[in-house]
Protein backbone atom coordinates (compact mmCIF):
# COMPACT_ATOMS: atom_id res chain seq x y z
CA MET A 1 -23.47 78.06 -30.67
CA GLN A 2 -26.49 79.67 -29.13
CA ALA A 3 -26.19 77.98 -26.04
CA HIS A 4 -22.67 79.39 -25.52
CA GLY A 5 -23.95 82.71 -26.43
CA GLU A 6 -25.66 85.29 -24.25
CA ASN A 7 -28.99 85.56 -26.29
CA LYS A 8 -31.74 83.16 -25.01
CA PRO A 9 -34.35 82.80 -28.12
CA TYR A 10 -36.74 80.98 -25.87
CA LEU A 11 -36.79 83.01 -22.84
CA CYS A 12 -39.13 82.57 -19.60
CA GLU A 13 -38.02 85.40 -17.18
CA GLN A 14 -37.93 82.87 -14.43
CA THR A 15 -36.18 79.71 -15.97
CA SER A 16 -34.00 78.09 -18.86
CA SER A 17 -32.91 79.03 -22.53
CA ARG A 18 -33.80 75.67 -24.03
CA LYS A 19 -36.92 75.34 -25.77
CA ARG A 20 -37.78 71.95 -24.30
CA HIS A 21 -37.81 73.41 -21.02
CA LEU A 22 -39.80 76.41 -21.83
CA VAL A 23 -43.23 74.88 -22.52
CA PRO A 24 -43.86 72.97 -19.22
CA GLN A 25 -42.12 75.86 -17.26
CA MET A 26 -44.71 78.53 -18.74
CA ILE A 27 -47.63 76.40 -17.96
CA ILE A 28 -46.47 76.21 -14.33
CA HIS A 29 -46.07 80.17 -14.62
CA SER A 30 -49.69 80.75 -16.17
CA ARG A 31 -51.34 79.21 -13.21
CA LYS A 32 -53.11 81.02 -10.67
CA LYS A 33 -51.88 79.28 -7.53
CA HIS A 34 -48.34 77.90 -7.08
CA TYR A 35 -47.21 75.92 -4.03
CA SER A 36 -43.63 76.27 -2.87
CA CYS A 37 -41.27 74.14 -0.61
CA THR A 38 -40.30 76.37 2.19
CA ILE A 39 -37.10 74.08 2.47
CA CYS A 40 -35.62 73.80 -1.02
CA GLY A 41 -37.50 76.40 -2.97
CA SER A 42 -39.44 73.67 -5.39
CA ILE A 43 -42.65 74.88 -7.03
CA PHE A 44 -45.82 72.85 -7.20
CA SER A 45 -49.24 73.35 -9.03
CA GLN A 46 -51.21 71.21 -6.58
CA LYS A 47 -50.91 71.26 -2.84
CA GLY A 48 -51.15 67.76 -2.59
CA ASN A 49 -47.79 67.25 -4.54
CA LEU A 50 -46.10 69.91 -2.22
CA ILE A 51 -47.18 67.79 0.97
CA GLN A 52 -45.54 64.57 -0.47
CA HIS A 53 -42.53 66.27 -1.63
CA LYS A 54 -41.99 67.83 2.15
CA LYS A 55 -41.97 64.24 3.35
CA THR A 56 -38.81 63.81 1.34
CA HIS A 57 -37.08 66.07 3.72
CA VAL A 58 -35.10 64.58 6.46
CA GLU A 59 -34.80 67.74 8.31
CA GLU A 60 -38.65 67.43 8.88
CA ALA A 61 -40.09 65.72 12.16
CA SER A 62 -39.28 62.08 11.60
CA TYR A 63 -39.63 58.51 13.41
CA SER A 64 -36.95 56.24 12.87
CA CYS A 65 -37.39 52.64 13.67
CA GLU A 66 -34.66 51.23 15.88
CA VAL A 67 -34.85 47.72 14.49
CA CYS A 68 -34.70 48.35 10.70
CA SER A 69 -33.77 51.99 10.44
CA TYR A 70 -36.78 52.77 8.30
CA VAL A 71 -37.68 56.52 8.64
CA PHE A 72 -41.16 57.69 8.96
CA HIS A 73 -42.74 61.13 8.77
CA GLU A 74 -46.24 60.15 10.49
CA LYS A 75 -46.47 59.15 13.93
CA GLU A 76 -49.42 56.75 12.98
CA LYS A 77 -47.51 54.88 10.60
CA PHE A 78 -44.49 54.71 12.52
CA ALA A 79 -46.62 53.34 15.66
CA SER A 80 -48.14 50.46 13.25
CA HIS A 81 -44.84 49.80 11.93
CA MET A 82 -43.61 49.43 15.44
CA LYS A 83 -46.33 46.84 16.32
CA ALA A 84 -45.55 44.68 13.28
CA HIS A 85 -41.99 44.04 14.64
CA ARG A 86 -43.45 43.54 18.25
CA LYS A 87 -45.67 40.90 17.08
CA LYS A 88 -42.49 38.76 16.35
CA THR A 89 -40.70 37.08 19.20
CA TYR A 90 -37.12 36.20 18.37
CA SER A 91 -36.06 33.43 20.79
CA CYS A 92 -32.37 32.02 21.63
CA ALA A 93 -32.01 28.42 20.61
CA GLN A 94 -29.48 27.94 23.56
CA CYS A 95 -31.04 29.50 26.53
CA GLU A 96 -34.44 31.12 27.54
CA TYR A 97 -33.72 34.71 26.27
CA SER A 98 -36.02 36.22 23.99
CA SER A 99 -36.67 39.65 22.60
CA SER A 100 -38.95 41.57 20.30
CA TYR A 101 -36.31 42.87 17.87
CA GLU A 102 -34.44 40.52 15.84
CA GLN A 103 -31.17 42.71 15.95
CA SER A 104 -31.29 42.32 19.75
CA LEU A 105 -31.00 38.38 19.17
CA VAL A 106 -28.30 38.84 16.96
CA LYS A 107 -25.97 40.51 19.72
CA HIS A 108 -27.28 37.99 22.43
CA ILE A 109 -26.47 35.18 20.28
CA ARG A 110 -22.38 36.40 20.32
CA THR A 111 -22.74 35.63 24.27
CA HIS A 112 -22.68 32.22 23.00
CA THR A 113 -20.52 32.01 20.13
CA GLY A 114 -17.87 34.37 21.37
CA GLU A 115 -18.15 36.03 17.83
CA LYS A 116 -16.71 39.64 17.93
CA PRO A 117 -16.86 41.20 14.42
CA TYR A 118 -15.85 44.78 15.42
CA SER A 119 -11.96 44.93 15.35
CA CYS A 120 -9.86 48.16 16.28
CA GLU A 121 -7.45 49.05 13.31
CA GLN A 122 -4.87 50.26 15.85
CA CYS A 123 -4.25 47.70 18.28
CA GLY A 124 -6.43 44.44 17.01
CA SER A 125 -8.81 44.19 20.04
CA SER A 126 -11.96 42.63 19.13
CA PHE A 127 -15.43 43.18 20.48
CA SER A 128 -19.03 41.95 19.99
CA GLN A 129 -21.10 45.45 19.74
CA LYS A 130 -19.91 48.41 17.49
CA SER A 131 -20.84 50.62 20.51
CA THR A 132 -17.99 48.98 22.76
CA LEU A 133 -15.71 49.27 19.72
CA THR A 134 -16.34 52.79 19.77
CA GLU A 135 -15.80 53.40 23.42
CA HIS A 136 -12.56 51.28 23.06
CA ILE A 137 -11.35 53.64 20.49
CA ARG A 138 -11.15 56.52 22.55
CA THR A 139 -8.57 54.73 24.65
CA HIS A 140 -6.06 55.67 21.63
CA THR A 141 -7.70 58.99 21.03
CA GLY A 142 -7.79 60.21 24.41
CA GLU A 143 -11.25 61.47 23.51
CA LYS A 144 -13.60 62.03 26.89
CA PRO A 145 -17.01 63.38 25.57
CA TYR A 146 -18.90 62.78 28.89
CA SER A 147 -18.01 65.38 31.57
CA CYS A 148 -19.09 66.07 34.91
CA GLU A 149 -21.14 69.62 35.51
CA GLN A 150 -20.05 69.37 39.14
CA CYS A 151 -16.23 69.04 38.91
CA GLU A 152 -13.52 68.44 36.49
CA TYR A 153 -14.08 64.58 36.03
CA SER A 154 -14.54 63.77 32.44
CA SER A 155 -14.77 60.04 30.84
CA SER A 156 -14.68 58.04 27.56
CA HIS A 157 -17.25 55.86 28.71
CA LYS A 158 -21.26 57.23 29.43
CA TYR A 159 -21.73 54.83 32.06
CA ASP A 160 -18.52 55.81 34.11
CA LEU A 161 -19.76 59.37 34.36
CA VAL A 162 -23.26 57.71 35.77
CA LYS A 163 -21.24 56.05 38.48
CA HIS A 164 -18.85 59.16 39.18
CA ILE A 165 -22.04 61.55 39.41
CA ARG A 166 -23.43 59.24 42.54
CA THR A 167 -20.20 60.28 44.42
CA HIS A 168 -21.62 63.99 44.37
CA THR A 169 -25.64 62.82 45.04
CA GLY A 170 -24.86 59.96 47.23
CA GLU A 171 -27.46 57.85 45.33
CA LYS A 172 -27.06 54.07 45.87
CA PRO A 173 -29.92 52.37 43.91
CA TYR A 174 -28.57 49.20 44.32
CA SER A 175 -29.91 47.41 47.67
CA CYS A 176 -29.34 43.92 49.22
CA GLN A 177 -32.93 42.41 49.93
CA GLN A 178 -31.14 40.30 52.67
CA CYS A 179 -29.66 42.89 54.98
CA GLY A 180 -30.46 46.42 53.06
CA TYR A 181 -27.03 47.51 52.50
CA SER A 182 -27.10 49.59 49.50
CA PHE A 183 -24.63 50.21 46.99
CA SER A 184 -23.76 53.05 43.93
CA VAL A 185 -22.89 50.33 41.69
CA GLN A 186 -24.37 47.05 40.70
CA SER A 187 -21.48 45.09 40.30
CA ASN A 188 -20.62 45.97 44.26
CA LEU A 189 -23.77 44.62 44.95
CA VAL A 190 -23.10 41.19 43.14
CA LYS A 191 -19.93 40.94 45.10
CA HIS A 192 -21.80 41.96 48.18
CA LEU A 193 -24.43 38.92 47.61
CA ARG A 194 -21.89 36.25 47.49
CA LEU A 195 -21.08 37.02 51.30
CA HIS A 196 -24.81 35.67 51.86
CA THR A 197 -24.80 33.08 49.31
CA GLY A 198 -20.88 31.69 49.86
CA GLU A 199 -20.49 31.45 46.08
CA LYS A 200 -17.02 31.35 44.88
CA PRO A 201 -16.93 31.47 41.37
CA TYR A 202 -13.22 32.13 40.68
CA SER A 203 -11.12 29.09 41.03
CA CYS A 204 -7.47 28.56 40.95
CA GLU A 205 -6.64 25.81 38.13
CA GLN A 206 -3.44 25.16 39.97
CA CYS A 207 -4.47 24.31 43.60
CA GLY A 208 -8.46 24.19 43.15
CA ASN A 209 -8.90 27.35 45.85
CA SER A 210 -11.97 29.33 45.01
CA PHE A 211 -12.76 33.01 45.72
CA SER A 212 -15.93 35.46 45.63
CA ARG A 213 -13.99 38.17 43.64
CA LYS A 214 -11.87 37.89 40.52
CA ALA A 215 -9.45 40.53 42.28
CA HIS A 216 -8.82 38.02 44.96
CA LEU A 217 -7.96 34.96 42.47
CA VAL A 218 -5.53 37.29 40.90
CA GLN A 219 -3.70 37.98 44.20
CA HIS A 220 -3.91 34.46 44.96
CA MET A 221 -2.24 33.67 41.87
CA ARG A 222 0.93 35.12 42.61
CA THR A 223 1.48 32.84 45.28
CA HIS A 224 2.29 30.24 42.58
CA THR A 225 3.90 32.52 39.82
CA ASN A 226 5.90 34.57 43.02
CA GLU A 227 5.05 37.64 40.93
CA LYS A 228 5.47 41.27 42.66
CA PRO A 229 4.49 44.06 40.47
CA TYR A 230 4.27 46.72 43.13
CA SER A 231 7.63 48.18 43.69
CA CYS A 232 9.14 50.61 46.25
CA GLU A 233 10.30 53.73 44.23
CA GLN A 234 12.35 54.67 47.45
CA CYS A 235 14.09 51.27 48.22
CA GLY A 236 13.04 48.96 45.41
CA SER A 237 10.91 46.60 47.57
CA SER A 238 8.64 44.55 45.51
CA PHE A 239 5.19 43.26 46.56
CA SER A 240 2.78 41.02 45.12
CA GLN A 241 -0.42 43.20 46.57
CA LYS A 242 -0.91 46.95 46.23
CA SER A 243 -1.93 46.98 49.97
CA ALA A 244 1.26 45.54 51.16
CA LEU A 245 3.11 48.35 49.17
CA LYS A 246 1.14 50.99 51.04
CA ARG A 247 1.94 49.55 54.19
CA HIS A 248 5.46 49.40 53.41
CA ILE A 249 5.80 52.87 52.21
CA ARG A 250 4.68 54.51 55.57
CA THR A 251 8.00 53.04 57.08
CA HIS A 252 9.69 56.00 54.86
CA THR A 253 6.98 58.76 55.78
CA GLY A 254 5.99 57.57 59.12
CA GLU A 255 2.55 58.03 58.52
CA LYS A 256 0.32 56.45 61.28
CA PRO A 257 -3.16 56.66 60.04
CA TYR A 258 -4.77 54.38 62.54
CA SER A 259 -5.35 55.96 66.04
CA CYS A 260 -6.59 54.50 69.34
CA GLU A 261 -9.56 56.29 70.64
CA LYS A 262 -9.09 55.56 74.32
CA CYS A 263 -5.37 56.70 74.84
CA GLY A 264 -4.50 58.46 71.24
CA LYS A 265 -1.80 56.57 70.27
CA SER A 266 -1.28 55.76 66.48
CA PHE A 267 -0.07 52.93 64.33
CA SER A 268 0.77 52.49 60.64
CA GLN A 269 -0.94 49.26 60.43
CA LYS A 270 -4.44 48.32 61.29
CA ALA A 271 -3.61 45.22 62.58
CA HIS A 272 -1.40 46.78 65.18
CA LEU A 273 -4.08 48.90 66.17
CA VAL A 274 -6.24 45.72 66.81
CA GLN A 275 -3.66 44.34 69.00
CA HIS A 276 -3.32 47.44 70.81
CA MET A 277 -6.91 47.59 71.69
CA ARG A 278 -6.74 44.10 73.56
CA THR A 279 -4.15 46.01 76.07
CA HIS A 280 -7.50 48.26 77.10
CA THR A 281 -9.84 44.99 77.18
CA ASN A 282 -7.65 42.86 79.11
CA GLU A 283 -8.07 40.38 75.93
CA PRO A 284 -4.65 38.17 75.29
CA ARG A 285 -2.64 39.27 72.57
CA LEU A 286 -2.43 36.92 69.55
CA LYS A 287 1.30 35.56 69.35
């Protein structure tokens, strides 16, 4: 009943009403020095105990291992731990890939197996990496956490923002070693290099024609399927290529963006300007 009452027969001014708690607490209060944790308020009789206790607080400066997620509070121990990982080399049995990190090898192996363990609950799309799934989910939520400081552009993908910023800075970090041409995006350099090598990795399964760009293969496939996905809103005419639709729309708008520098005459299509220029150079016109 005493536990429910207001009286506390075993009273320490700073602590509990229970006798079994009183003895160790009085010992603590009777000592000359008390060491308190500034984070949680815990009291220790020895400074060494306080130091060890503080290491349990994540809020303190800590070092997290990206390989195994182990957390260290001392930089020296963290460095020693990381060396232990780097001593090992994890190699792919199917190709020459190797890494100091086991998790990196796990991700790489999925490029061979096609394994995609991370699935979207909304549409069922699967991905080989968790980070890719996270980015994909933003296509459903509309979240665009990466914003440009110079304009209103925002994106759900961090790398898309990096590419966009180069439209402001003019940076073109990817250069062709053969001709010096530079690009803001690495994929454009890869496409450009095929002009030098003649590589055409995209082949049509129906006729065998090959192309240096996937987009060109997609356009070509429409010659077999007769697909015309681009339609004119004004007259309903359909086209297999977006560029053909743009040229067609000019027949409605009267736009003529291609001008002759010699006589000022304008044309709706670039090919018509090329034919016109031959009238100035006396070249025979192509029939």
